[in-house]
């Protein structure tokens, strides 16, 4: 359900996950979120979830229903971010946070967000399906495949321990030293900083490769090996 998945954007936070919903009718958004969760239970299991509902006006029964359905799936809804005063008051009434500015790195570790000194990495043990978009302020490591139609945007490096068939943008804030690595590199598009590479055809005999910006300022793929 690509249309459903396109309503949802997922970002990694130190606190867990931030899910941003579209301005579609609430029932469509609710169904889209639960469909995404049910399609990737291993990824969402045990997660702390913050929900950005934009200007959606929600009342107690609607938020309680969603909170209960998420709880049944092992997901803890702890924050609801909204531009609507009504929704904000509803969230506060239910004891939910309405701000997510204060990071809690010690809790973030539960959701495979690792604090590496001055750097942070998001580890996802799953395959990214079409319509899924992951954004993160640090490095992103995928233990699985990135399917066509899936997107990863990271300010740091991106490593895919599997097949890379989707779109990846590393060094998204202009870091030209960022790298993209994959065991099987056949993306629809690669970007590092402001340099772009077109689609790469699938290889008959895939091998691990690493992509960097070379001395000429272009993206270059080479054999990915330790050291």
C-alpha atoms as a PDB file:
ATOM      1  CA  UNK A   1       0.000   0.000   0.000  1.00  0.00           C
ATOM      2  CA  UNK A   2       2.330   2.693  -1.256  1.00  0.00           C
ATOM      3  CA  UNK A   3      -0.325   5.411  -0.921  1.00  0.00           C
ATOM      4  CA  UNK A   4      -0.829   4.527   2.738  1.00  0.00           C
ATOM      5  CA  UNK A   5       2.876   4.391   3.482  1.00  0.00           C
ATOM      6  CA  UNK A   6       3.427   7.779   1.798  1.00  0.00           C
ATOM      7  CA  UNK A   7       1.358   9.377   4.575  1.00  0.00           C
ATOM      8  CA  UNK A   8       4.025   8.453   7.118  1.00  0.00           C
ATOM      9  CA  UNK A   9       7.579   9.654   7.711  1.00  0.00           C
ATOM     10  CA  UNK A  10       9.788   8.092  10.384  1.00  0.00           C
ATOM     11  CA  UNK A  11      12.762   9.797  12.015  1.00  0.00           C
ATOM     12  CA  UNK A  12      15.095   8.394  14.628  1.00  0.00           C
ATOM     13  CA  UNK A  13      15.356  10.376  17.850  1.00  0.00           C
ATOM     14  CA  UNK A  14      17.432   9.838  20.947  1.00  0.00           C
ATOM     15  CA  UNK A  15      14.093   9.279  22.684  1.00  0.00           C
ATOM     16  CA  UNK A  16      12.929   6.621  20.228  1.00  0.00           C
ATOM     17  CA  UNK A  17      10.985   7.250  17.042  1.00  0.00           C
ATOM     18  CA  UNK A  18       9.178  10.304  15.692  1.00  0.00           C
ATOM     19  CA  UNK A  19       6.350   9.454  13.307  1.00  0.00           C
ATOM     20  CA  UNK A  20       5.028  12.382  11.280  1.00  0.00           C
ATOM     21  CA  UNK A  21       1.606  12.034   9.663  1.00  0.00           C
ATOM     22  CA  UNK A  22       0.150  13.800   6.643  1.00  0.00           C
ATOM     23  CA  UNK A  23      -2.832  16.188   6.637  1.00  0.00           C
ATOM     24  CA  UNK A  24      -5.133  13.447   5.361  1.00  0.00           C
ATOM     25  CA  UNK A  25      -8.341  12.653   7.301  1.00  0.00           C
ATOM     26  CA  UNK A  26      -7.581  11.172  10.724  1.00  0.00           C
ATOM     27  CA  UNK A  27      -9.073   7.751   9.957  1.00  0.00           C
ATOM     28  CA  UNK A  28      -6.773   7.407   6.943  1.00  0.00           C
ATOM     29  CA  UNK A  29      -3.758   8.403   9.021  1.00  0.00           C
ATOM     30  CA  UNK A  30      -4.691   6.043  11.848  1.00  0.00           C
ATOM     31  CA  UNK A  31      -5.094   3.128   9.432  1.00  0.00           C
ATOM     32  CA  UNK A  32      -1.832   4.050   7.646  1.00  0.00           C
ATOM     33  CA  UNK A  33       0.106   4.051  10.923  1.00  0.00           C
ATOM     34  CA  UNK A  34      -1.308   0.749  12.161  1.00  0.00           C
ATOM     35  CA  UNK A  35      -0.763  -0.827   8.727  1.00  0.00           C
ATOM     36  CA  UNK A  36       2.871   0.283   8.814  1.00  0.00           C
ATOM     37  CA  UNK A  37       3.269  -1.114  12.322  1.00  0.00           C
ATOM     38  CA  UNK A  38       1.624  -4.437  11.472  1.00  0.00           C
ATOM     39  CA  UNK A  39       3.778  -4.767   8.371  1.00  0.00           C
ATOM     40  CA  UNK A  40       7.026  -4.291  10.310  1.00  0.00           C
ATOM     41  CA  UNK A  41       6.367  -5.606  13.839  1.00  0.00           C
ATOM     42  CA  UNK A  42      10.016  -6.382  14.604  1.00  0.00           C
ATOM     43  CA  UNK A  43      11.017  -2.776  13.924  1.00  0.00           C
ATOM     44  CA  UNK A  44       8.312  -1.167  16.079  1.00  0.00           C
ATOM     45  CA  UNK A  45       8.192  -3.748  18.904  1.00  0.00           C
ATOM     46  CA  UNK A  46       9.072  -2.083  22.225  1.00  0.00           C
ATOM     47  CA  UNK A  47       9.456   1.374  20.678  1.00  0.00           C
ATOM     48  CA  UNK A  48       8.809   4.696  22.387  1.00  0.00           C
ATOM     49  CA  UNK A  49       6.771   6.654  19.871  1.00  0.00           C
ATOM     50  CA  UNK A  50       6.296  10.401  19.482  1.00  0.00           C
ATOM     51  CA  UNK A  51       3.558  11.335  17.025  1.00  0.00           C
ATOM     52  CA  UNK A  52       3.465  14.563  15.013  1.00  0.00           C
ATOM     53  CA  UNK A  53      -0.129  15.049  13.802  1.00  0.00           C
ATOM     54  CA  UNK A  54       0.371  18.553  12.338  1.00  0.00           C
ATOM     55  CA  UNK A  55      -2.888  20.573  12.602  1.00  0.00           C
ATOM     56  CA  UNK A  56      -5.145  17.555  13.133  1.00  0.00           C
ATOM     57  CA  UNK A  57      -7.842  18.184  15.782  1.00  0.00           C
ATOM     58  CA  UNK A  58      -8.085  15.141  18.049  1.00  0.00           C
ATOM     59  CA  UNK A  59     -10.270  14.448  21.061  1.00  0.00           C
ATOM     60  CA  UNK A  60      -9.790  12.138  24.029  1.00  0.00           C
ATOM     61  CA  UNK A  61     -11.567   9.110  22.557  1.00  0.00           C
ATOM     62  CA  UNK A  62      -9.481   9.259  19.353  1.00  0.00           C
ATOM     63  CA  UNK A  63      -6.137   9.484  21.134  1.00  0.00           C
ATOM     64  CA  UNK A  64      -7.123   6.849  23.711  1.00  0.00           C
ATOM     65  CA  UNK A  65      -8.143   4.482  20.917  1.00  0.00           C
ATOM     66  CA  UNK A  66      -4.811   4.947  19.116  1.00  0.00           C
ATOM     67  CA  UNK A  67      -2.783   4.684  22.325  1.00  0.00           C
ATOM     68  CA  UNK A  68      -4.541   1.418  23.214  1.00  0.00           C
ATOM     69  CA  UNK A  69      -4.043  -0.073  19.746  1.00  0.00           C
ATOM     70  CA  UNK A  70      -0.351   0.810  19.822  1.00  0.00           C
ATOM     71  CA  UNK A  71      -0.031  -0.599  23.342  1.00  0.00           C
ATOM     72  CA  UNK A  72      -1.552  -3.889  22.148  1.00  0.00           C
ATOM     73  CA  UNK A  73       1.323  -4.055  19.656  1.00  0.00           C
ATOM     74  CA  UNK A  74       3.999  -3.421  22.275  1.00  0.00           C
ATOM     75  CA  UNK A  75       4.459   0.277  21.409  1.00  0.00           C
ATOM     76  CA  UNK A  76       4.491   3.072  23.997  1.00  0.00           C
ATOM     77  CA  UNK A  77       2.975   6.363  22.821  1.00  0.00           C
ATOM     78  CA  UNK A  78       4.642   8.990  24.998  1.00  0.00           C
ATOM     79  CA  UNK A  79       4.247  12.253  23.051  1.00  0.00           C
ATOM     80  CA  UNK A  80       1.852  13.920  20.622  1.00  0.00           C
ATOM     81  CA  UNK A  81       3.023  17.043  18.799  1.00  0.00           C
ATOM     82  CA  UNK A  82       0.344  19.225  17.252  1.00  0.00           C
ATOM     83  CA  UNK A  83      -0.341  22.733  15.990  1.00  0.00           C
ATOM     84  CA  UNK A  84      -3.905  22.395  17.286  1.00  0.00           C
ATOM     85  CA  UNK A  85      -4.527  23.758  20.817  1.00  0.00           C
ATOM     86  CA  UNK A  86      -7.376  21.235  21.197  1.00  0.00           C
ATOM     87  CA  UNK A  87      -5.139  18.294  20.372  1.00  0.00           C
ATOM     88  CA  UNK A  88      -2.392  19.618  22.612  1.00  0.00           C
ATOM     89  CA  UNK A  89      -4.791  19.921  25.555  1.00  0.00           C
ATOM     90  CA  UNK A  90      -6.121  16.428  24.853  1.00  0.00           C
ATOM     91  CA  UNK A  91      -2.596  15.002  24.904  1.00  0.00           C
ATOM     92  CA  UNK A  92      -1.785  16.799  28.153  1.00  0.00           C
ATOM     93  CA  UNK A  93      -5.021  15.515  29.704  1.00  0.00           C
ATOM     94  CA  UNK A  94      -3.896  11.964  28.923  1.00  0.00           C
ATOM     95  CA  UNK A  95      -0.469  12.570  30.431  1.00  0.00           C
ATOM     96  CA  UNK A  96       1.326  12.652  27.077  1.00  0.00           C
ATOM     97  CA  UNK A  97       4.233  14.973  26.394  1.00  0.00           C
ATOM     98  CA  UNK A  98       3.659  17.747  23.850  1.00  0.00           C
ATOM     99  CA  UNK A  99       7.327  18.732  23.418  1.00  0.00           C
ATOM    100  CA  UNK A 100      10.259  16.545  22.373  1.00  0.00           C
ATOM    101  CA  UNK A 101      13.149  18.992  22.594  1.00  0.00           C
ATOM    102  CA  UNK A 102      14.991  17.339  25.510  1.00  0.00           C
ATOM    103  CA  UNK A 103      16.951  14.256  24.414  1.00  0.00           C
ATOM    104  CA  UNK A 104      17.272  11.242  26.699  1.00  0.00           C
ATOM    105  CA  UNK A 105      20.187   9.235  25.291  1.00  0.00           C
ATOM    106  CA  UNK A 106      20.051   6.619  28.040  1.00  0.00           C
ATOM    107  CA  UNK A 107      16.512   5.705  26.995  1.00  0.00           C
ATOM    108  CA  UNK A 108      17.269   6.007  23.306  1.00  0.00           C
ATOM    109  CA  UNK A 109      19.608   3.017  23.543  1.00  0.00           C
ATOM    110  CA  UNK A 110      16.565   0.758  23.906  1.00  0.00           C
ATOM    111  CA  UNK A 111      15.653   1.604  20.330  1.00  0.00           C
ATOM    112  CA  UNK A 112      19.057   0.961  18.804  1.00  0.00           C
ATOM    113  CA  UNK A 113      20.081   4.613  18.770  1.00  0.00           C
ATOM    114  CA  UNK A 114      23.715   4.585  19.869  1.00  0.00           C
ATOM    115  CA  UNK A 115      25.518   7.623  21.256  1.00  0.00           C
ATOM    116  CA  UNK A 116      29.095   7.483  19.882  1.00  0.00           C
ATOM    117  CA  UNK A 117      30.623  10.430  21.694  1.00  0.00           C
ATOM    118  CA  UNK A 118      30.036  13.380  19.394  1.00  0.00           C
ATOM    119  CA  UNK A 119      28.329  11.098  16.845  1.00  0.00           C
ATOM    120  CA  UNK A 120      25.099   9.119  16.889  1.00  0.00           C
ATOM    121  CA  UNK A 121      24.023   6.071  14.881  1.00  0.00           C
ATOM    122  CA  UNK A 122      20.596   4.594  14.217  1.00  0.00           C
ATOM    123  CA  UNK A 123      20.564   0.786  13.857  1.00  0.00           C
ATOM    124  CA  UNK A 124      17.568  -0.785  12.095  1.00  0.00           C
ATOM    125  CA  UNK A 125      17.343  -4.586  11.993  1.00  0.00           C
ATOM    126  CA  UNK A 126      14.783  -4.887   9.185  1.00  0.00           C
ATOM    127  CA  UNK A 127      14.108  -4.418   5.487  1.00  0.00           C
ATOM    128  CA  UNK A 128      12.890  -0.994   4.355  1.00  0.00           C
ATOM    129  CA  UNK A 129       9.894  -1.390   2.074  1.00  0.00           C
ATOM    130  CA  UNK A 130       8.686   0.901  -0.687  1.00  0.00           C
ATOM    131  CA  UNK A 131       7.130   4.102   0.697  1.00  0.00           C
ATOM    132  CA  UNK A 132       9.278   4.135   3.855  1.00  0.00           C
ATOM    133  CA  UNK A 133      11.478   7.183   4.450  1.00  0.00           C
ATOM    134  CA  UNK A 134      14.059   7.248   7.256  1.00  0.00           C
ATOM    135  CA  UNK A 135      15.758  10.491   8.301  1.00  0.00           C
ATOM    136  CA  UNK A 136      18.452  10.718  10.968  1.00  0.00           C
ATOM    137  CA  UNK A 137      20.895  13.325  12.255  1.00  0.00           C
ATOM    138  CA  UNK A 138      23.822  10.869  12.463  1.00  0.00           C
ATOM    139  CA  UNK A 139      24.860   7.600  10.823  1.00  0.00           C
ATOM    140  CA  UNK A 140      22.328   4.959   9.688  1.00  0.00           C
ATOM    141  CA  UNK A 141      23.044   1.210   9.708  1.00  0.00           C
ATOM    142  CA  UNK A 142      20.495  -1.128   8.085  1.00  0.00           C
ATOM    143  CA  UNK A 143      20.745  -4.858   8.844  1.00  0.00           C
ATOM    144  CA  UNK A 144      18.513  -5.853   5.947  1.00  0.00           C
ATOM    145  CA  UNK A 145      17.583  -4.684   2.460  1.00  0.00           C
ATOM    146  CA  UNK A 146      16.514  -1.267   1.173  1.00  0.00           C
ATOM    147  CA  UNK A 147      13.837  -1.919  -1.441  1.00  0.00           C
ATOM    148  CA  UNK A 148      13.047   0.271  -4.480  1.00  0.00           C
ATOM    149  CA  UNK A 149      10.847   3.159  -3.358  1.00  0.00           C
ATOM    150  CA  UNK A 150      12.430   3.325   0.124  1.00  0.00           C
ATOM    151  CA  UNK A 151      14.565   6.330   1.102  1.00  0.00           C
ATOM    152  CA  UNK A 152      17.299   6.989   3.673  1.00  0.00           C
ATOM    153  CA  UNK A 153      18.498  10.502   4.452  1.00  0.00           C
ATOM    154  CA  UNK A 154      21.374  10.746   6.945  1.00  0.00           C
ATOM    155  CA  UNK A 155      23.707  13.530   7.988  1.00  0.00           C
ATOM    156  CA  UNK A 156      26.451  10.936   8.452  1.00  0.00           C
ATOM    157  CA  UNK A 157      27.352   7.650   6.733  1.00  0.00           C
ATOM    158  CA  UNK A 158      24.905   4.977   5.579  1.00  0.00           C
ATOM    159  CA  UNK A 159      25.762   1.266   5.755  1.00  0.00           C
ATOM    160  CA  UNK A 160      23.411  -1.370   4.357  1.00  0.00           C
ATOM    161  CA  UNK A 161      24.179  -4.937   5.402  1.00  0.00           C
ATOM    162  CA  UNK A 162      22.087  -6.283   2.527  1.00  0.00           C
ATOM    163  CA  UNK A 163      20.765  -5.208  -0.896  1.00  0.00           C
ATOM    164  CA  UNK A 164      20.541  -1.480  -1.563  1.00  0.00           C
ATOM    165  CA  UNK A 165      17.866  -0.880  -4.222  1.00  0.00           C
ATOM    166  CA  UNK A 166      16.293   2.367  -3.002  1.00  0.00           C
ATOM    167  CA  UNK A 167      17.499   5.958  -2.642  1.00  0.00           C
ATOM    168  CA  UNK A 168      20.201   6.966  -0.150  1.00  0.00           C
ATOM    169  CA  UNK A 169      21.423  10.458   0.696  1.00  0.00           C
ATOM    170  CA  UNK A 170      24.440  10.523   3.036  1.00  0.00           C
ATOM    171  CA  UNK A 171      26.100  13.692   4.310  1.00  0.00           C
ATOM    172  CA  UNK A 172      22.741  15.404   3.865  1.00  0.00           C
ATOM    173  CA  UNK A 173      23.901  18.616   5.579  1.00  0.00           C
ATOM    174  CA  UNK A 174      26.874  18.979   3.258  1.00  0.00           C
ATOM    175  CA  UNK A 175      29.392  16.485   4.713  1.00  0.00           C
ATOM    176  CA  UNK A 176      31.440  15.540   1.625  1.00  0.00           C
ATOM    177  CA  UNK A 177      33.461  12.997   3.626  1.00  0.00           C
ATOM    178  CA  UNK A 178      30.372  10.836   4.213  1.00  0.00           C
ATOM    179  CA  UNK A 179      30.249   7.324   2.735  1.00  0.00           C
ATOM    180  CA  UNK A 180      27.626   4.825   1.557  1.00  0.00           C
ATOM    181  CA  UNK A 181      28.348   1.090   1.876  1.00  0.00           C
ATOM    182  CA  UNK A 182      26.313  -1.943   0.848  1.00  0.00           C
ATOM    183  CA  UNK A 183      26.793  -5.673   0.329  1.00  0.00           C
ATOM    184  CA  UNK A 184      24.850  -5.417  -2.956  1.00  0.00           C
ATOM    185  CA  UNK A 185      24.806  -1.937  -4.484  1.00  0.00           C
ATOM    186  CA  UNK A 186      22.071  -1.339  -7.085  1.00  0.00           C
ATOM    187  CA  UNK A 187      20.308   1.867  -5.938  1.00  0.00           C
ATOM    188  CA  UNK A 188      17.784   3.991  -7.787  1.00  0.00           C
ATOM    189  CA  UNK A 189      19.825   7.017  -6.701  1.00  0.00           C
ATOM    190  CA  UNK A 190      22.782   7.832  -4.436  1.00  0.00           C
ATOM    191  CA  UNK A 191      23.663  11.245  -3.047  1.00  0.00           C
ATOM    192  CA  UNK A 192      26.544  12.379  -0.874  1.00  0.00           C
ATOM    193  CA  UNK A 193      26.290  16.038   0.141  1.00  0.00           C
ATOM    194  CA  UNK A 194      25.286  17.742  -3.143  1.00  0.00           C
ATOM    195  CA  UNK A 195      26.773  15.123  -5.502  1.00  0.00           C
ATOM    196  CA  UNK A 196      24.247  12.820  -7.206  1.00  0.00           C
ATOM    197  CA  UNK A 197      24.603   9.458  -8.921  1.00  0.00           C
ATOM    198  CA  UNK A 198      21.982   7.980 -11.247  1.00  0.00           C
ATOM    199  CA  UNK A 199      20.572   4.475 -10.895  1.00  0.00           C
ATOM    200  CA  UNK A 200      23.093   1.622 -10.891  1.00  0.00           C
ATOM    201  CA  UNK A 201      22.152  -1.609 -12.645  1.00  0.00           C
ATOM    202  CA  UNK A 202      22.000  -4.814 -10.566  1.00  0.00           C
ATOM    203  CA  UNK A 203      25.212  -6.831 -10.811  1.00  0.00           C
ATOM    204  CA  UNK A 204      25.282 -10.436 -11.938  1.00  0.00           C
ATOM    205  CA  UNK A 205      27.758 -11.226  -9.175  1.00  0.00           C
ATOM    206  CA  UNK A 206      27.185  -8.648  -6.393  1.00  0.00           C
ATOM    207  CA  UNK A 207      30.071  -7.696  -4.142  1.00  0.00           C
ATOM    208  CA  UNK A 208      30.375  -5.327  -1.179  1.00  0.00           C
ATOM    209  CA  UNK A 209      31.064  -1.782  -2.345  1.00  0.00           C
ATOM    210  CA  UNK A 210      31.693   1.605  -0.782  1.00  0.00           C
ATOM    211  CA  UNK A 211      30.833   4.926  -2.434  1.00  0.00           C
ATOM    212  CA  UNK A 212      32.692   8.156  -1.691  1.00  0.00           C
ATOM    213  CA  UNK A 213      33.390  11.491  -3.334  1.00  0.00           C
ATOM    214  CA  UNK A 214      36.706  11.164  -5.174  1.00  0.00           C
ATOM    215  CA  UNK A 215      39.394  13.785  -5.786  1.00  0.00           C
ATOM    216  CA  UNK A 216      37.535  14.969  -8.889  1.00  0.00           C
ATOM    217  CA  UNK A 217      34.438  15.699  -6.805  1.00  0.00           C
ATOM    218  CA  UNK A 218      32.407  12.828  -8.260  1.00  0.00           C
ATOM    219  CA  UNK A 219      30.827   9.783  -6.637  1.00  0.00           C
ATOM    220  CA  UNK A 220      32.997   6.699  -7.021  1.00  0.00           C
ATOM    221  CA  UNK A 221      32.278   3.085  -6.020  1.00  0.00           C
ATOM    222  CA  UNK A 222      35.052   0.682  -5.068  1.00  0.00           C
ATOM    223  CA  UNK A 223      35.429  -2.678  -3.365  1.00  0.00           C
ATOM    224  CA  UNK A 224      34.425  -2.483   0.311  1.00  0.00           C
ATOM    225  CA  UNK A 225      36.907  -4.438   2.405  1.00  0.00           C
ATOM    226  CA  UNK A 226      38.133  -4.124   6.016  1.00  0.00           C
ATOM    227  CA  UNK A 227      41.036  -1.756   6.426  1.00  0.00           C
END
